[in-house]
Amino acid sequence: MGADMVLAGCPSPVAATNEIVDSVVVREVLTARVAALSDKQLAEVADWCCWDEIDAKSAGWQADVRRRLIDCLEVFDNARRDTTELYLCDRWWIFAGGMTWGDPPSEAYELVNALALTSVTDEPITAAELAASTAQATDTEV
């Protein structure tokens, strides 16, 4: 019995273009996508990620799962030492992982894994989402 190498990956929400998208905008768009997840999707993520402290029978459990998922978005905020990006199949992907003896190999592994389970990053950010986020930011700045 020995250590195993494990990886978690999810597609980057930023399209594979030369356009630079601010990490704040990425976070806003993905937060809106997390808010749109169904109760069934939320329950599956909580179960798969072993978030045992979240009781699906208690009131407000959906908000707890959404809050945990929004916390996971920090993997897109800035460069981390425990993640890497690879360009595969015309998309950028973010990966985290490492050697494990049964425990998570890094904090980022758990974050990326949870996001991959939700599919909120499966589709690149659309022009409409980008415009809505930019409009919202402009409204709040005034």
Protein backbone atom coordinates (compact mmCIF):
# COMPACT_ATOMS: atom_id res chain seq x y z
CA MET A 1 0.00 0.00 0.00
CA GLY A 2 1.38 3.39 -0.95
CA ALA A 3 0.56 6.91 -1.88
CA ASP A 4 -1.50 7.72 -4.95
CA MET A 5 -1.44 10.70 -7.29
CA VAL A 6 -4.84 12.38 -7.63
CA LEU A 7 -5.95 15.37 -9.69
CA ALA A 8 -9.13 17.42 -9.78
CA GLY A 9 -9.81 19.63 -12.76
CA CYS A 10 -12.48 21.89 -14.13
CA PRO A 11 -12.62 24.06 -17.23
CA SER A 12 -11.77 27.70 -16.77
CA PRO A 13 -14.85 29.88 -17.15
CA VAL A 14 -12.86 32.32 -19.28
CA ALA A 15 -13.08 31.66 -23.02
CA ALA A 16 -9.87 30.74 -24.82
CA THR A 17 -9.50 34.15 -26.43
CA ASN A 18 -7.00 36.90 -25.89
CA GLU A 19 -9.62 38.87 -23.95
CA ILE A 20 -8.64 39.52 -20.35
CA VAL A 21 -11.50 39.12 -17.89
CA ASP A 22 -11.09 40.60 -14.42
CA SER A 23 -11.19 38.02 -11.62
CA VAL A 24 -13.90 40.07 -9.87
CA VAL A 25 -16.13 39.70 -12.94
CA VAL A 26 -15.42 35.96 -13.10
CA ARG A 27 -16.40 35.62 -9.46
CA GLU A 28 -19.64 37.63 -9.98
CA VAL A 29 -20.70 35.52 -12.96
CA LEU A 30 -19.90 32.23 -11.24
CA THR A 31 -21.70 33.39 -8.08
CA ALA A 32 -24.81 33.96 -10.19
CA ARG A 33 -24.42 30.49 -11.68
CA VAL A 34 -24.08 28.94 -8.21
CA ALA A 35 -27.26 30.78 -7.16
CA ALA A 36 -29.10 29.11 -10.05
CA LEU A 37 -28.21 25.54 -9.02
CA SER A 38 -31.16 23.29 -8.17
CA ASP A 39 -31.71 21.70 -4.76
CA LYS A 40 -30.89 18.31 -6.27
CA GLN A 41 -27.53 19.57 -7.58
CA LEU A 42 -26.74 21.17 -4.24
CA ALA A 43 -27.56 17.96 -2.35
CA GLU A 44 -25.37 15.89 -4.68
CA VAL A 45 -22.39 18.23 -4.22
CA ALA A 46 -22.78 18.30 -0.42
CA ASP A 47 -22.97 14.51 -0.34
CA TRP A 48 -20.08 13.91 -2.75
CA CYS A 49 -17.82 16.42 -0.99
CA CYS A 50 -18.67 14.85 2.41
CA TRP A 51 -19.83 18.15 3.85
CA ASP A 52 -21.33 16.25 6.78
CA GLU A 53 -22.02 19.38 8.80
CA ILE A 54 -24.65 20.36 6.22
CA ASP A 55 -27.92 18.62 7.05
CA ALA A 56 -30.26 18.48 4.05
CA LYS A 57 -33.18 18.12 6.45
CA SER A 58 -32.54 21.43 8.20
CA ALA A 59 -33.97 24.73 7.05
CA GLY A 60 -31.61 26.82 4.98
CA TRP A 61 -29.22 24.00 4.03
CA GLN A 62 -29.23 25.21 0.41
CA ALA A 63 -27.77 28.56 1.48
CA ASP A 64 -25.03 26.72 3.39
CA VAL A 65 -24.04 24.71 0.31
CA ARG A 66 -24.14 27.80 -1.91
CA ARG A 67 -21.95 29.67 0.58
CA ARG A 68 -19.41 26.81 0.56
CA LEU A 69 -19.39 26.76 -3.25
CA ILE A 70 -18.92 30.52 -3.46
CA ASP A 71 -15.96 30.14 -1.09
CA CYS A 72 -14.55 27.59 -3.57
CA LEU A 73 -14.42 30.30 -6.25
CA GLU A 74 -11.24 31.63 -4.67
CA VAL A 75 -9.29 29.27 -6.94
CA PHE A 76 -10.02 31.75 -9.75
CA ASP A 77 -9.11 34.89 -7.78
CA ASN A 78 -5.37 34.82 -8.24
CA ALA A 79 -2.41 32.62 -8.97
CA ARG A 80 -1.99 29.91 -6.38
CA ARG A 81 0.96 27.65 -5.77
CA ASP A 82 -1.28 24.60 -5.48
CA THR A 83 -3.05 24.97 -8.86
CA THR A 84 -1.98 24.97 -12.46
CA GLU A 85 -3.65 25.79 -15.74
CA LEU A 86 -3.41 23.66 -18.86
CA TYR A 87 -4.71 24.33 -22.35
CA LEU A 88 -6.60 21.22 -23.48
CA CYS A 89 -9.20 20.73 -26.20
CA ASP A 90 -9.44 24.45 -27.03
CA ARG A 91 -10.10 25.39 -23.38
CA TRP A 92 -8.05 26.46 -20.39
CA TRP A 93 -8.45 24.08 -17.45
CA ILE A 94 -7.47 24.56 -13.82
CA PHE A 95 -6.04 21.56 -11.98
CA ALA A 96 -5.05 20.84 -8.41
CA GLY A 97 -3.83 17.68 -6.80
CA GLY A 98 -0.82 15.81 -5.60
CA MET A 99 0.22 12.75 -3.66
CA THR A 100 -2.26 11.38 -1.16
CA TRP A 101 -2.48 8.63 1.40
CA GLY A 102 -6.28 8.96 1.44
CA ASP A 103 -6.44 12.56 2.58
CA PRO A 104 -6.94 15.52 0.21
CA PRO A 105 -3.54 16.42 -1.28
CA SER A 106 -4.14 20.18 -1.04
CA GLU A 107 -6.75 22.75 -0.11
CA ALA A 108 -7.15 23.69 -3.76
CA TYR A 109 -7.89 20.07 -4.67
CA GLU A 110 -11.07 20.17 -2.60
CA LEU A 111 -12.09 23.55 -4.06
CA VAL A 112 -11.57 22.50 -7.68
CA ASN A 113 -13.27 19.16 -7.08
CA ALA A 114 -16.38 20.82 -5.62
CA LEU A 115 -16.61 23.24 -8.56
CA ALA A 116 -16.15 20.43 -11.07
CA LEU A 117 -19.12 18.61 -9.53
CA THR A 118 -21.42 21.61 -10.07
CA SER A 119 -20.60 22.22 -13.75
CA VAL A 120 -20.78 26.02 -13.18
CA THR A 121 -17.52 26.39 -15.10
CA ASP A 122 -18.41 24.04 -17.97
CA GLU A 123 -19.45 26.85 -20.29
CA PRO A 124 -17.27 29.90 -20.94
CA ILE A 125 -18.56 33.23 -19.69
CA THR A 126 -20.84 34.62 -22.37
CA ALA A 127 -20.87 38.17 -23.69
CA ALA A 128 -24.31 38.65 -22.10
CA GLU A 129 -23.05 37.54 -18.67
CA LEU A 130 -20.02 39.78 -19.05
CA ALA A 131 -22.19 42.75 -20.03
CA ALA A 132 -24.61 42.12 -17.14
CA SER A 133 -21.73 41.92 -14.67
CA THR A 134 -20.12 45.08 -16.08
CA ALA A 135 -23.47 46.91 -15.98
CA GLN A 136 -24.03 45.82 -12.39
CA ALA A 137 -20.54 47.01 -11.44
CA THR A 138 -21.14 50.36 -13.14
CA ASP A 139 -24.48 50.79 -11.33
CA THR A 140 -22.92 50.14 -7.93
CA GLU A 141 -20.01 52.52 -8.57
CA VAL A 142 -22.26 55.52 -9.25
